[in-house]
Amino acid sequence: DKIAKIFIKILPIYWAVLTFMLLKPGVENLEYTFMFDGIDKILHLTIFAMLGFCFTAAFPKMKFILFFQIMLSYSILTEILQDEMGWGRSMEVLDLVADTVGVLAGYYIFTKVKSLTF
C-alpha cells in the first residue's frame, strides 16, 4: 500500500542514522538546563519507538513475533557493540529495556493510527 511504499524508503535511512548515532564515539555530556538523570533512557525509548513505527509501517503484514525478534536482536547487538568497541560507550540493561519498550510503543502507535485512518 501507499504508506508502506513511503516507509520502505524512510526506514533504511532512519536505521542507518540511528546505528551511526548509537555506535559513534561517546562524548562528555554538557550540562544544559533541560538535562536530568534518565534523559538518555527517554531518548532511547523515543528513537526506538520511531524505529518500531517506521518498521511496522514499512512491513505492515509482518507477524508480530518476527517484528519483535528483529527489533530485540538489533537492540541487543547495538548494546553489545557499544561495549565492545571501546569508544566511550557501555552496555546498559536499562537501555535495552528502554529500547524494547520503545519498539513496542512504536508498534502499538502504528496499529492504533492505522485502525483510525484505514
Protein backbone atom coordinates (compact mmCIF):
# COMPACT_ATOMS: atom_id res chain seq x y z
CA ASP A 1 0.00 0.00 0.00
CA LYS A 2 0.96 3.66 -0.33
CA ILE A 3 2.13 4.12 3.30
CA ALA A 4 4.34 1.04 3.15
CA LYS A 5 5.98 2.30 -0.06
CA ILE A 6 6.85 5.59 1.64
CA PHE A 7 8.20 3.97 4.80
CA ILE A 8 10.17 1.34 2.88
CA LYS A 9 12.25 4.32 1.66
CA ILE A 10 12.40 6.12 5.00
CA LEU A 11 13.29 3.06 7.11
CA PRO A 12 16.82 2.34 5.80
CA ILE A 13 17.81 5.99 6.11
CA TYR A 14 16.47 6.26 9.65
CA TRP A 15 18.01 2.92 10.63
CA ALA A 16 21.42 3.92 9.25
CA VAL A 17 21.38 7.27 11.07
CA LEU A 18 20.23 5.55 14.27
CA THR A 19 23.00 2.95 14.03
CA PHE A 20 25.59 5.68 13.47
CA MET A 21 24.32 7.67 16.47
CA LEU A 22 24.26 4.61 18.73
CA LEU A 23 27.76 3.47 17.79
CA LYS A 24 29.66 6.73 17.36
CA PRO A 25 32.28 7.50 19.99
CA GLY A 26 30.85 8.80 23.24
CA VAL A 27 31.46 12.39 24.26
CA GLU A 28 31.28 14.11 27.60
CA ASN A 29 27.72 15.29 28.22
CA LEU A 30 27.48 19.02 28.70
CA GLU A 31 25.12 20.27 31.33
CA TYR A 32 22.07 22.04 29.91
CA THR A 33 19.01 23.29 31.76
CA PHE A 34 16.85 20.56 30.21
CA MET A 35 19.21 17.73 31.24
CA PHE A 36 18.19 15.40 34.06
CA ASP A 37 19.02 11.91 35.26
CA GLY A 38 17.45 9.37 32.96
CA ILE A 39 17.19 11.60 29.89
CA ASP A 40 19.24 9.04 27.95
CA LYS A 41 16.61 6.37 28.70
CA ILE A 42 13.86 8.66 27.40
CA LEU A 43 15.92 9.30 24.27
CA HIS A 44 16.42 5.54 23.77
CA LEU A 45 12.69 4.95 24.20
CA THR A 46 11.81 7.73 21.77
CA ILE A 47 14.24 6.83 18.98
CA PHE A 48 13.33 3.15 19.21
CA ALA A 49 9.61 4.00 19.20
CA MET A 50 10.23 5.78 15.92
CA LEU A 51 12.16 2.75 14.64
CA GLY A 52 9.30 0.43 15.65
CA PHE A 53 6.77 2.72 14.00
CA CYS A 54 8.76 3.01 10.75
CA PHE A 55 9.47 -0.72 10.62
CA THR A 56 5.83 -1.63 11.18
CA ALA A 57 4.70 0.94 8.61
CA ALA A 58 7.18 -0.44 6.06
CA PHE A 59 6.19 -4.07 6.72
CA PRO A 60 2.58 -3.93 7.98
CA LYS A 61 1.86 -7.60 7.22
CA MET A 62 4.82 -8.95 9.17
CA LYS A 63 3.88 -11.15 12.10
CA PHE A 64 4.42 -9.51 15.48
CA ILE A 65 6.76 -12.22 16.76
CA LEU A 66 9.15 -11.74 13.82
CA PHE A 67 8.99 -7.95 14.24
CA PHE A 68 9.81 -8.33 17.93
CA GLN A 69 12.69 -10.75 17.29
CA ILE A 70 14.28 -8.41 14.74
CA MET A 71 13.93 -5.35 16.95
CA LEU A 72 15.18 -7.14 20.08
CA SER A 73 18.15 -8.57 18.16
CA TYR A 74 19.06 -5.10 16.90
CA SER A 75 18.77 -3.63 20.41
CA ILE A 76 20.95 -6.34 21.93
CA LEU A 77 23.50 -6.08 19.11
CA THR A 78 23.88 -2.31 19.43
CA GLU A 79 24.32 -2.56 23.20
CA ILE A 80 26.97 -5.27 22.83
CA LEU A 81 28.77 -3.30 20.12
CA GLN A 82 28.74 -0.13 22.23
CA ASP A 83 30.54 -2.04 24.97
CA GLU A 84 32.94 -3.94 22.72
CA MET A 85 34.04 -1.08 20.50
CA GLY A 86 35.68 0.76 23.42
CA TRP A 87 34.71 4.22 22.21
CA GLY A 88 33.40 5.58 25.49
CA ARG A 89 30.06 3.81 25.36
CA SER A 90 28.91 1.00 27.58
CA MET A 91 26.30 -1.74 27.56
CA GLU A 92 23.40 -0.98 29.88
CA VAL A 93 20.48 -3.26 30.63
CA LEU A 94 18.19 -0.27 31.22
CA ASP A 95 18.98 0.99 27.70
CA LEU A 96 17.88 -2.39 26.39
CA VAL A 97 14.67 -2.11 28.42
CA ALA A 98 14.04 1.39 27.06
CA ASP A 99 14.75 0.18 23.51
CA THR A 100 12.29 -2.70 23.91
CA VAL A 101 9.56 -0.54 25.41
CA GLY A 102 10.17 1.96 22.61
CA VAL A 103 9.75 -0.50 19.74
CA LEU A 104 6.64 -1.92 21.37
CA ALA A 105 5.25 1.60 21.74
CA GLY A 106 6.04 2.33 18.08
CA TYR A 107 4.29 -0.87 17.02
CA TYR A 108 1.26 -0.04 19.18
CA ILE A 109 1.07 3.56 17.94
CA PHE A 110 1.21 2.44 14.30
CA THR A 111 -1.55 -0.14 14.80
CA LYS A 112 -3.74 2.47 16.53
CA VAL A 113 -3.11 5.11 13.85
CA LYS A 114 -3.75 2.55 11.11
CA SER A 115 -7.05 1.46 12.68
CA LEU A 116 -8.17 5.11 12.87
CA THR A 117 -7.24 6.06 9.32
CA PHE A 118 -7.96 2.96 7.22
